[in-house]
Amino acid sequence: MNIVILAGSNRKNATSTRLAEYTAEMIQGQGHEATLFNLYEKPLPFYAPDEKQETHENLADLTVAMLAADAIILSTPEYHGSISGVLKNALDHLSQAHFSGKLVLSISSAGGAVGVSSLTQLQTMVRNLHGINAPEWISIGGAQRRRFEATFDGYEEYEGSQDIEERVQRVLGSFLNLAQTLTAARKAL
C-alpha cells in the first residue's frame, strides 16, 4: 500500500513534521510504502485559480504523489486554532480526484495541550474533498511534543514519553488496517 504523508509546516524542525517522519518510519516498518511530502522543503506557489500553475515542479510532484496514494496522512502545526497556511494552500491546489474514496488520517502538534481545532478543520476539508476521515486522529501538545523536538536524543525520559509512542502506533495500526480494506474494495470496483 502507498501512503502519502503531507507535512504542512513552514518551519525547518517543526514537531508536526517530525511526527510525520515518525509515522513514515512506522508505516515502512510494517511493509508499506510511505512518501513524505514536506512543504518546508518543497514549497508551493500561492493558489491562484486564474493562473496556470501545473508546470511548477513541486506542485507537479505533489499532484502525482497524491493521485498515486492509496491513503493519506495530513500533518499540521496548530496556529491560532487552525491549520497552517502552507497546508491550506496545498489543499487548495488539490481536488476530489486526489482524495475521493481514500482514507485520510489527520495529525497535529500544538503549543498547548492538543490541537483539536486544526484536526476538526482538516476533517471538514477532507469531507469536502470526498475523502474518508479515519475514525481516530493524533494530536500532540505540551510535554508530548518533547519526543518530537529536534533536540530529542532518544534517551530523554519524561512523563508520558512511552504513552505517546504507543498511542501513535495504535492509531497507525488502526489506520493501516482500515486503509487496506478500503483500498482493496476500491480496486475491486
N, C-alpha and C. Protein backbone atom coordinates (compact mmCIF):
# COMPACT_ATOMS: atom_id res chain seq x y z
N MET A 1 0.84 -1.17 0.00
CA MET A 1 0.00 0.00 0.00
C MET A 1 0.89 1.24 0.00
N ASN A 2 0.45 2.28 -0.68
CA ASN A 2 1.20 3.52 -0.82
C ASN A 2 0.51 4.63 -0.01
N ILE A 3 1.18 5.10 1.02
CA ILE A 3 0.65 6.16 1.87
C ILE A 3 1.43 7.44 1.61
N VAL A 4 0.74 8.53 1.31
CA VAL A 4 1.39 9.83 1.15
C VAL A 4 1.13 10.63 2.42
N ILE A 5 2.21 11.17 2.98
CA ILE A 5 2.13 11.98 4.19
C ILE A 5 2.48 13.41 3.80
N LEU A 6 1.54 14.31 3.96
CA LEU A 6 1.73 15.71 3.61
C LEU A 6 2.06 16.48 4.89
N ALA A 7 3.32 16.87 5.04
CA ALA A 7 3.79 17.60 6.22
C ALA A 7 3.61 19.09 5.98
N GLY A 8 2.66 19.68 6.68
CA GLY A 8 2.23 21.04 6.40
C GLY A 8 2.78 22.12 7.29
N SER A 9 4.08 22.15 7.46
CA SER A 9 4.68 23.23 8.24
C SER A 9 5.66 24.00 7.38
N ASN A 10 5.85 25.24 7.71
CA ASN A 10 6.83 26.08 7.03
C ASN A 10 8.01 26.35 7.95
N ARG A 11 8.28 25.40 8.83
CA ARG A 11 9.36 25.52 9.82
C ARG A 11 10.30 24.33 9.67
N LYS A 12 11.60 24.59 9.70
CA LYS A 12 12.59 23.55 9.44
C LYS A 12 12.45 22.33 10.36
N ASN A 13 12.42 22.54 11.65
CA ASN A 13 12.37 21.42 12.59
C ASN A 13 11.03 21.35 13.32
N ALA A 14 9.96 21.51 12.61
CA ALA A 14 8.63 21.50 13.21
C ALA A 14 8.33 20.15 13.86
N THR A 15 7.73 20.18 15.03
CA THR A 15 7.37 18.92 15.70
C THR A 15 6.31 18.18 14.89
N SER A 16 5.45 18.90 14.18
CA SER A 16 4.44 18.22 13.35
C SER A 16 5.12 17.47 12.19
N THR A 17 6.20 18.01 11.65
CA THR A 17 6.93 17.32 10.59
C THR A 17 7.68 16.12 11.15
N ARG A 18 8.27 16.29 12.32
CA ARG A 18 8.97 15.16 12.93
C ARG A 18 7.99 14.04 13.31
N LEU A 19 6.78 14.40 13.72
CA LEU A 19 5.74 13.40 13.96
C LEU A 19 5.38 12.71 12.64
N ALA A 20 5.30 13.46 11.56
CA ALA A 20 5.03 12.88 10.24
C ALA A 20 6.14 11.92 9.83
N GLU A 21 7.40 12.30 10.08
CA GLU A 21 8.54 11.43 9.77
C GLU A 21 8.46 10.13 10.58
N TYR A 22 8.08 10.25 11.84
CA TYR A 22 7.93 9.08 12.71
C TYR A 22 6.84 8.14 12.16
N THR A 23 5.72 8.71 11.71
CA THR A 23 4.65 7.87 11.15
C THR A 23 5.15 7.18 9.88
N ALA A 24 5.95 7.88 9.08
CA ALA A 24 6.50 7.26 7.86
C ALA A 24 7.37 6.06 8.23
N GLU A 25 8.21 6.21 9.25
CA GLU A 25 9.06 5.10 9.69
C GLU A 25 8.22 3.91 10.15
N MET A 26 7.17 4.19 10.91
CA MET A 26 6.30 3.12 11.42
C MET A 26 5.59 2.39 10.26
N ILE A 27 5.13 3.16 9.29
CA ILE A 27 4.44 2.58 8.13
C ILE A 27 5.39 1.72 7.31
N GLN A 28 6.58 2.22 7.07
CA GLN A 28 7.59 1.46 6.31
C GLN A 28 7.99 0.20 7.08
N GLY A 29 8.04 0.30 8.40
CA GLY A 29 8.36 -0.85 9.23
C GLY A 29 7.33 -1.95 9.15
N GLN A 30 6.13 -1.61 8.71
CA GLN A 30 5.07 -2.60 8.54
C GLN A 30 4.94 -3.06 7.08
N GLY A 31 5.93 -2.71 6.27
CA GLY A 31 5.99 -3.21 4.90
C GLY A 31 5.23 -2.41 3.87
N HIS A 32 4.82 -1.20 4.20
CA HIS A 32 4.11 -0.34 3.25
C HIS A 32 5.04 0.76 2.75
N GLU A 33 4.66 1.35 1.64
CA GLU A 33 5.40 2.49 1.11
C GLU A 33 4.86 3.76 1.75
N ALA A 34 5.74 4.62 2.21
CA ALA A 34 5.35 5.90 2.80
C ALA A 34 6.16 7.00 2.14
N THR A 35 5.47 7.92 1.48
CA THR A 35 6.11 9.04 0.82
C THR A 35 5.81 10.29 1.62
N LEU A 36 6.86 10.94 2.12
CA LEU A 36 6.70 12.18 2.88
C LEU A 36 6.89 13.36 1.92
N PHE A 37 5.86 14.18 1.83
CA PHE A 37 5.96 15.41 1.04
C PHE A 37 6.02 16.56 2.04
N ASN A 38 7.21 17.15 2.21
CA ASN A 38 7.47 18.16 3.21
C ASN A 38 7.34 19.54 2.56
N LEU A 39 6.33 20.30 2.97
CA LEU A 39 6.08 21.61 2.36
C LEU A 39 7.14 22.65 2.73
N TYR A 40 7.93 22.41 3.75
CA TYR A 40 9.05 23.30 4.05
C TYR A 40 10.13 23.12 2.99
N GLU A 41 10.40 21.87 2.62
CA GLU A 41 11.44 21.58 1.63
C GLU A 41 10.96 21.75 0.20
N LYS A 42 9.66 21.59 -0.02
CA LYS A 42 9.10 21.70 -1.36
C LYS A 42 7.93 22.68 -1.35
N PRO A 43 8.23 23.98 -1.23
CA PRO A 43 7.14 24.96 -1.17
C PRO A 43 6.36 25.03 -2.47
N LEU A 44 5.10 25.40 -2.33
CA LEU A 44 4.21 25.51 -3.49
C LEU A 44 3.90 26.98 -3.76
N PRO A 45 3.54 27.30 -4.99
CA PRO A 45 3.12 28.68 -5.27
C PRO A 45 1.78 28.94 -4.59
N PHE A 46 1.49 30.21 -4.33
CA PHE A 46 0.17 30.54 -3.80
C PHE A 46 -0.89 30.11 -4.80
N TYR A 47 -1.94 29.50 -4.30
CA TYR A 47 -3.03 29.06 -5.16
C TYR A 47 -3.65 30.26 -5.84
N ALA A 48 -3.76 30.20 -7.15
CA ALA A 48 -4.37 31.27 -7.94
C ALA A 48 -5.15 30.59 -9.07
N PRO A 49 -6.46 30.44 -8.90
CA PRO A 49 -7.24 29.68 -9.89
C PRO A 49 -7.22 30.23 -11.31
N ASP A 50 -6.87 31.49 -11.46
CA ASP A 50 -6.83 32.08 -12.80
C ASP A 50 -5.48 31.89 -13.49
N GLU A 51 -4.52 31.31 -12.78
CA GLU A 51 -3.19 31.12 -13.36
C GLU A 51 -2.91 29.65 -13.62
N LYS A 52 -2.16 29.37 -14.66
CA LYS A 52 -1.71 28.01 -14.95
C LYS A 52 -0.49 27.73 -14.08
N GLN A 53 -0.61 26.79 -13.15
CA GLN A 53 0.48 26.53 -12.23
C GLN A 53 0.95 25.08 -12.26
N GLU A 54 0.31 24.25 -13.06
CA GLU A 54 0.63 22.82 -13.04
C GLU A 54 2.06 22.50 -13.48
N THR A 55 2.74 23.46 -14.11
CA THR A 55 4.12 23.22 -14.52
C THR A 55 5.13 23.48 -13.39
N HIS A 56 4.68 24.03 -12.27
CA HIS A 56 5.55 24.24 -11.12
C HIS A 56 6.02 22.87 -10.63
N GLU A 57 7.33 22.67 -10.55
CA GLU A 57 7.90 21.34 -10.26
C GLU A 57 7.35 20.71 -8.97
N ASN A 58 7.34 21.45 -7.88
CA ASN A 58 6.87 20.89 -6.61
C ASN A 58 5.38 20.57 -6.66
N LEU A 59 4.61 21.43 -7.32
CA LEU A 59 3.18 21.19 -7.44
C LEU A 59 2.91 19.96 -8.30
N ALA A 60 3.67 19.81 -9.37
CA ALA A 60 3.53 18.62 -10.22
C ALA A 60 3.87 17.36 -9.43
N ASP A 61 4.93 17.41 -8.62
CA ASP A 61 5.31 16.25 -7.79
C ASP A 61 4.21 15.90 -6.79
N LEU A 62 3.64 16.93 -6.15
CA LEU A 62 2.57 16.70 -5.18
C LEU A 62 1.35 16.08 -5.86
N THR A 63 0.97 16.60 -6.99
CA THR A 63 -0.20 16.10 -7.70
C THR A 63 -0.04 14.62 -8.08
N VAL A 64 1.12 14.27 -8.61
CA VAL A 64 1.40 12.88 -8.99
C VAL A 64 1.37 11.97 -7.76
N ALA A 65 2.02 12.41 -6.69
CA ALA A 65 2.06 11.59 -5.46
C ALA A 65 0.67 11.38 -4.89
N MET A 66 -0.13 12.43 -4.84
CA MET A 66 -1.47 12.32 -4.25
C MET A 66 -2.39 11.45 -5.11
N LEU A 67 -2.27 11.52 -6.42
CA LEU A 67 -3.08 10.67 -7.29
C LEU A 67 -2.73 9.20 -7.10
N ALA A 68 -1.45 8.92 -6.85
CA ALA A 68 -0.98 7.53 -6.68
C ALA A 68 -1.23 6.98 -5.29
N ALA A 69 -1.59 7.83 -4.34
CA ALA A 69 -1.76 7.40 -2.95
C ALA A 69 -2.95 6.47 -2.78
N ASP A 70 -2.76 5.45 -1.95
CA ASP A 70 -3.88 4.60 -1.54
C ASP A 70 -4.56 5.19 -0.32
N ALA A 71 -3.81 5.89 0.51
CA ALA A 71 -4.31 6.56 1.70
C ALA A 71 -3.40 7.75 1.98
N ILE A 72 -3.88 8.67 2.82
CA ILE A 72 -3.20 9.95 3.02
C ILE A 72 -3.13 10.28 4.50
N ILE A 73 -2.02 10.90 4.90
CA ILE A 73 -1.91 11.47 6.23
C ILE A 73 -1.62 12.96 6.06
N LEU A 74 -2.41 13.79 6.74
CA LEU A 74 -2.20 15.23 6.73
C LEU A 74 -1.67 15.64 8.10
N SER A 75 -0.52 16.29 8.13
CA SER A 75 0.12 16.70 9.37
C SER A 75 0.24 18.21 9.42
N THR A 76 -0.19 18.81 10.52
CA THR A 76 -0.15 20.27 10.63
C THR A 76 0.25 20.72 12.03
N PRO A 77 0.94 21.85 12.12
CA PRO A 77 1.04 22.52 13.40
C PRO A 77 -0.30 23.23 13.62
N GLU A 78 -0.64 23.50 14.86
CA GLU A 78 -1.84 24.30 15.09
C GLU A 78 -1.41 25.72 15.38
N TYR A 79 -1.84 26.64 14.51
CA TYR A 79 -1.55 28.06 14.67
C TYR A 79 -2.86 28.80 14.90
N HIS A 80 -2.98 29.48 16.02
CA HIS A 80 -4.15 30.30 16.32
C HIS A 80 -5.45 29.52 16.14
N GLY A 81 -5.46 28.26 16.56
CA GLY A 81 -6.67 27.45 16.48
C GLY A 81 -7.00 26.95 15.09
N SER A 82 -6.02 26.90 14.20
CA SER A 82 -6.28 26.50 12.82
C SER A 82 -5.09 25.74 12.26
N ILE A 83 -5.24 25.26 11.02
CA ILE A 83 -4.15 24.59 10.33
C ILE A 83 -3.18 25.64 9.80
N SER A 84 -2.02 25.20 9.38
CA SER A 84 -1.03 26.12 8.83
C SER A 84 -1.47 26.65 7.47
N GLY A 85 -1.00 27.83 7.15
CA GLY A 85 -1.32 28.43 5.85
C GLY A 85 -0.75 27.63 4.69
N VAL A 86 0.45 27.05 4.86
CA VAL A 86 1.04 26.29 3.75
C VAL A 86 0.26 25.01 3.49
N LEU A 87 -0.28 24.39 4.52
CA LEU A 87 -1.10 23.19 4.29
C LEU A 87 -2.41 23.56 3.61
N LYS A 88 -3.05 24.64 4.06
CA LYS A 88 -4.29 25.09 3.42
C LYS A 88 -4.03 25.41 1.96
N ASN A 89 -2.93 26.06 1.67
CA ASN A 89 -2.58 26.38 0.28
C ASN A 89 -2.41 25.10 -0.54
N ALA A 90 -1.74 24.09 0.03
CA ALA A 90 -1.55 22.82 -0.68
C ALA A 90 -2.90 22.16 -0.96
N LEU A 91 -3.78 22.16 0.02
CA LEU A 91 -5.10 21.54 -0.16
C LEU A 91 -5.91 22.30 -1.20
N ASP A 92 -5.75 23.62 -1.27
CA ASP A 92 -6.44 24.40 -2.30
C ASP A 92 -6.01 24.00 -3.70
N HIS A 93 -4.78 23.55 -3.86
CA HIS A 93 -4.28 23.10 -5.17
C HIS A 93 -4.83 21.72 -5.56
N LEU A 94 -5.33 20.98 -4.59
CA LEU A 94 -5.78 19.61 -4.84
C LEU A 94 -7.29 19.57 -5.03
N SER A 95 -7.78 18.40 -5.42
CA SER A 95 -9.22 18.28 -5.71
C SER A 95 -9.75 16.93 -5.26
N GLN A 96 -11.01 16.70 -5.53
CA GLN A 96 -11.64 15.42 -5.21
C GLN A 96 -10.92 14.27 -5.88
N ALA A 97 -10.35 14.50 -7.04
CA ALA A 97 -9.62 13.44 -7.75
C ALA A 97 -8.49 12.87 -6.90
N HIS A 98 -7.92 13.68 -6.02
CA HIS A 98 -6.80 13.26 -5.19
C HIS A 98 -7.24 12.55 -3.91
N PHE A 99 -8.47 12.78 -3.48
CA PHE A 99 -8.93 12.28 -2.18
C PHE A 99 -10.09 11.29 -2.25
N SER A 100 -10.87 11.32 -3.29
CA SER A 100 -12.12 10.57 -3.35
C SER A 100 -11.93 9.09 -3.02
N GLY A 101 -12.65 8.64 -1.98
CA GLY A 101 -12.63 7.23 -1.58
C GLY A 101 -11.39 6.80 -0.82
N LYS A 102 -10.48 7.71 -0.53
CA LYS A 102 -9.24 7.36 0.17
C LYS A 102 -9.35 7.70 1.66
N LEU A 103 -8.79 6.85 2.48
CA LEU A 103 -8.76 7.09 3.91
C LEU A 103 -7.73 8.16 4.23
N VAL A 104 -8.09 9.09 5.12
CA VAL A 104 -7.22 10.20 5.49
C VAL A 104 -7.12 10.28 7.01
N LEU A 105 -5.88 10.25 7.51
CA LEU A 105 -5.60 10.42 8.93
C LEU A 105 -5.07 11.83 9.14
N SER A 106 -5.65 12.55 10.10
CA SER A 106 -5.20 13.89 10.43
C SER A 106 -4.38 13.85 11.70
N ILE A 107 -3.22 14.55 11.67
CA ILE A 107 -2.37 14.63 12.86
C ILE A 107 -1.92 16.07 13.06
N SER A 108 -1.70 16.44 14.34
CA SER A 108 -1.30 17.82 14.62
C SER A 108 -0.36 17.90 15.81
N SER A 109 0.30 19.04 15.89
CA SER A 109 1.15 19.37 17.03
C SER A 109 0.78 20.79 17.45
N ALA A 110 0.50 20.94 18.74
CA ALA A 110 0.07 22.24 19.25
C ALA A 110 0.96 22.68 20.40
N GLY A 111 1.12 23.98 20.55
CA GLY A 111 1.89 24.50 21.67
C GLY A 111 1.18 24.28 22.99
N GLY A 112 -0.14 24.22 22.97
CA GLY A 112 -0.93 23.96 24.17
C GLY A 112 -1.12 22.47 24.37
N ALA A 113 -2.23 22.12 25.00
CA ALA A 113 -2.48 20.72 25.34
C ALA A 113 -2.60 19.83 24.10
N VAL A 114 -3.53 20.10 23.22
CA VAL A 114 -3.70 19.33 21.98
C VAL A 114 -4.27 20.27 20.91
N GLY A 115 -4.17 19.84 19.65
CA GLY A 115 -4.62 20.67 18.54
C GLY A 115 -5.93 20.21 17.94
N VAL A 116 -6.99 20.20 18.72
CA VAL A 116 -8.27 19.68 18.26
C VAL A 116 -8.91 20.56 17.19
N SER A 117 -8.78 21.88 17.31
CA SER A 117 -9.41 22.78 16.33
C SER A 117 -8.87 22.52 14.92
N SER A 118 -7.57 22.37 14.79
CA SER A 118 -6.99 22.12 13.47
C SER A 118 -7.44 20.77 12.92
N LEU A 119 -7.56 19.77 13.79
CA LEU A 119 -7.99 18.45 13.33
C LEU A 119 -9.43 18.46 12.86
N THR A 120 -10.27 19.18 13.57
CA THR A 120 -11.67 19.30 13.17
C THR A 120 -11.78 19.99 11.81
N GLN A 121 -10.98 21.03 11.62
CA GLN A 121 -11.00 21.73 10.33
C GLN A 121 -10.49 20.83 9.20
N LEU A 122 -9.45 20.06 9.48
CA LEU A 122 -8.94 19.13 8.46
C LEU A 122 -10.01 18.12 8.08
N GLN A 123 -10.73 17.61 9.06
CA GLN A 123 -11.76 16.62 8.75
C GLN A 123 -12.87 17.22 7.89
N THR A 124 -13.21 18.48 8.13
CA THR A 124 -14.20 19.15 7.29
C THR A 124 -13.70 19.26 5.86
N MET A 125 -12.44 19.63 5.69
CA MET A 125 -11.86 19.76 4.34
C MET A 125 -11.81 18.41 3.64
N VAL A 126 -11.44 17.36 4.38
CA VAL A 126 -11.37 16.01 3.80
C VAL A 126 -12.76 15.59 3.30
N ARG A 127 -13.79 15.86 4.10
CA ARG A 127 -15.17 15.53 3.67
C ARG A 127 -15.51 16.26 2.37
N ASN A 128 -15.15 17.55 2.30
CA ASN A 128 -15.45 18.32 1.10
C ASN A 128 -14.67 17.85 -0.12
N LEU A 129 -13.55 17.19 0.11
CA LEU A 129 -12.75 16.62 -0.99
C LEU A 129 -13.13 15.17 -1.27
N HIS A 130 -14.17 14.68 -0.60
CA HIS A 130 -14.70 13.33 -0.76
C HIS A 130 -13.76 12.23 -0.26
N GLY A 131 -12.85 12.62 0.63
CA GLY A 131 -12.01 11.62 1.28
C GLY A 131 -12.79 11.00 2.43
N ILE A 132 -12.23 9.96 3.02
CA ILE A 132 -12.86 9.28 4.15
C ILE A 132 -11.99 9.54 5.38
N ASN A 133 -12.55 10.23 6.36
CA ASN A 133 -11.80 10.52 7.58
C ASN A 133 -11.59 9.27 8.41
N ALA A 134 -10.37 9.07 8.87
CA ALA A 134 -10.10 7.97 9.80
C ALA A 134 -10.87 8.26 11.09
N PRO A 135 -11.35 7.21 11.76
CA PRO A 135 -12.15 7.43 12.96
C PRO A 135 -11.36 8.01 14.13
N GLU A 136 -10.04 7.92 14.08
CA GLU A 136 -9.20 8.49 15.14
C GLU A 136 -8.28 9.52 14.51
N TRP A 137 -7.64 10.31 15.37
CA TRP A 137 -6.63 11.25 14.93
C TRP A 137 -5.52 11.25 15.95
N ILE A 138 -4.43 11.93 15.63
CA ILE A 138 -3.31 12.04 16.57
C ILE A 138 -3.02 13.52 16.78
N SER A 139 -2.95 13.92 18.03
CA SER A 139 -2.54 15.28 18.35
C SER A 139 -1.57 15.22 19.52
N ILE A 140 -0.49 15.94 19.38
CA ILE A 140 0.46 16.05 20.49
C ILE A 140 0.54 17.50 20.92
N GLY A 141 0.77 17.68 22.19
CA GLY A 141 0.88 19.04 22.71
C GLY A 141 1.61 19.00 24.04
N GLY A 142 1.96 20.17 24.52
CA GLY A 142 2.64 20.27 25.81
C GLY A 142 3.90 19.42 25.85
N ALA A 143 4.05 18.66 26.94
CA ALA A 143 5.25 17.83 27.14
C ALA A 143 5.38 16.72 26.10
N GLN A 144 4.28 16.29 25.50
CA GLN A 144 4.33 15.23 24.48
C GLN A 144 5.17 15.66 23.28
N ARG A 145 5.23 16.93 23.04
CA ARG A 145 5.98 17.43 21.89
C ARG A 145 7.48 17.20 22.04
N ARG A 146 7.96 17.08 23.28
CA ARG A 146 9.41 16.88 23.51
C ARG A 146 9.93 15.68 22.74
N ARG A 147 9.14 14.63 22.64
CA ARG A 147 9.56 13.42 21.93
C ARG A 147 9.89 13.73 20.47
N PHE A 148 9.29 14.77 19.92
CA PHE A 148 9.45 15.07 18.50
C PHE A 148 10.22 16.37 18.25
N GLU A 149 10.84 16.90 19.26
CA GLU A 149 11.67 18.09 19.07
C GLU A 149 13.02 17.70 18.51
N ALA A 150 13.66 18.61 17.81
CA ALA A 150 14.93 18.34 17.14
C ALA A 150 16.02 17.92 18.12
N THR A 151 15.92 18.34 19.38
CA THR A 151 16.96 18.01 20.36
C THR A 151 16.74 16.66 21.03
N PHE A 152 15.66 15.97 20.72
CA PHE A 152 15.38 14.68 21.35
C PHE A 152 16.43 13.67 20.91
N ASP A 153 17.08 13.03 21.87
CA ASP A 153 18.16 12.08 21.53
C ASP A 153 17.76 10.62 21.76
N GLY A 154 16.52 10.38 22.08
CA GLY A 154 16.07 9.01 22.27
C GLY A 154 16.29 8.49 23.67
N TYR A 155 17.02 9.22 24.48
CA TYR A 155 17.32 8.76 25.83
C TYR A 155 16.61 9.58 26.89
N GLU A 156 16.02 10.70 26.46
CA GLU A 156 15.32 11.53 27.42
C GLU A 156 14.10 10.80 27.95
N GLU A 157 13.90 10.90 29.21
CA GLU A 157 12.70 10.34 29.80
C GLU A 157 11.88 11.49 30.35
N TYR A 158 10.65 11.49 30.08
CA TYR A 158 9.73 12.46 30.63
C TYR A 158 8.39 11.77 30.78
N GLU A 159 7.56 12.34 31.60
CA GLU A 159 6.27 11.73 31.87
C GLU A 159 5.46 11.62 30.58
N GLY A 160 5.04 10.42 30.24
CA GLY A 160 4.20 10.20 29.07
C GLY A 160 4.96 9.87 27.80
N SER A 161 6.29 9.79 27.83
CA SER A 161 7.04 9.53 26.59
C SER A 161 6.66 8.19 25.97
N GLN A 162 6.50 7.18 26.78
CA GLN A 162 6.10 5.86 26.27
C GLN A 162 4.66 5.88 25.78
N ASP A 163 3.80 6.60 26.50
CA ASP A 163 2.38 6.66 26.14
C ASP A 163 2.16 7.22 24.75
N ILE A 164 2.87 8.29 24.40
CA ILE A 164 2.64 8.92 23.10
C ILE A 164 3.08 7.99 21.97
N GLU A 165 4.19 7.30 22.13
CA GLU A 165 4.63 6.37 21.09
C GLU A 165 3.64 5.22 20.94
N GLU A 166 3.14 4.70 22.04
CA GLU A 166 2.16 3.62 21.99
C GLU A 166 0.87 4.09 21.33
N ARG A 167 0.44 5.31 21.64
CA ARG A 167 -0.79 5.84 21.05
C ARG A 167 -0.62 6.02 19.54
N VAL A 168 0.52 6.57 19.12
CA VAL A 168 0.77 6.75 17.68
C VAL A 168 0.76 5.40 16.98
N GLN A 169 1.42 4.42 17.56
CA GLN A 169 1.47 3.09 16.95
C GLN A 169 0.09 2.44 16.89
N ARG A 170 -0.71 2.62 17.94
CA ARG A 170 -2.07 2.05 17.95
C ARG A 170 -2.94 2.69 16.87
N VAL A 171 -2.92 4.02 16.81
CA VAL A 171 -3.74 4.73 15.81
C VAL A 171 -3.27 4.38 14.40
N LEU A 172 -1.96 4.32 14.18
CA LEU A 172 -1.45 3.95 12.85
C LEU A 172 -1.86 2.52 12.47
N GLY A 173 -1.83 1.61 13.43
CA GLY A 173 -2.27 0.24 13.16
C GLY A 173 -3.70 0.19 12.70
N SER A 174 -4.56 0.91 13.39
CA SER A 174 -5.98 1.00 13.02
C SER A 174 -6.15 1.61 11.64
N PHE A 175 -5.41 2.71 11.41
CA PHE A 175 -5.46 3.42 10.13
C PHE A 175 -5.04 2.49 8.99
N LEU A 176 -3.94 1.77 9.16
CA LEU A 176 -3.45 0.89 8.10
C LEU A 176 -4.41 -0.26 7.83
N ASN A 177 -5.00 -0.83 8.86
CA ASN A 177 -5.98 -1.91 8.66
C ASN A 177 -7.18 -1.43 7.87
N LEU A 178 -7.72 -0.28 8.25
CA LEU A 178 -8.88 0.26 7.53
C LEU A 178 -8.49 0.69 6.12
N ALA A 179 -7.30 1.27 5.96
CA ALA A 179 -6.84 1.69 4.63
C ALA A 179 -6.71 0.49 3.70
N GLN A 180 -6.20 -0.63 4.20
CA GLN A 180 -6.08 -1.84 3.37
C GLN A 180 -7.46 -2.32 2.92
N THR A 181 -8.41 -2.32 3.83
CA THR A 181 -9.78 -2.76 3.50
C THR A 181 -10.39 -1.87 2.44
N LEU A 182 -10.28 -0.56 2.64
CA LEU A 182 -10.87 0.38 1.68
C LEU A 182 -10.16 0.38 0.34
N THR A 183 -8.84 0.22 0.35
CA THR A 183 -8.08 0.17 -0.89
C THR A 183 -8.46 -1.07 -1.69
N ALA A 184 -8.58 -2.22 -1.01
CA ALA A 184 -8.97 -3.46 -1.69
C ALA A 184 -10.37 -3.31 -2.30
N ALA A 185 -11.29 -2.71 -1.56
CA ALA A 185 -12.66 -2.53 -2.06
C ALA A 185 -12.68 -1.58 -3.25
N ARG A 186 -11.90 -0.49 -3.18
CA ARG A 186 -11.86 0.49 -4.27
C ARG A 186 -11.28 -0.15 -5.53
N LYS A 187 -10.25 -0.96 -5.37
CA LYS A 187 -9.61 -1.60 -6.53
C LYS A 187 -10.45 -2.72 -7.12
N ALA A 188 -11.37 -3.28 -6.32
CA ALA A 188 -12.24 -4.34 -6.79
C ALA A 188 -13.38 -3.80 -7.66
N LEU A 189 -13.63 -2.50 -7.57
CA LEU A 189 -14.75 -1.91 -8.35
C LEU A 189 -14.45 -1.84 -9.82
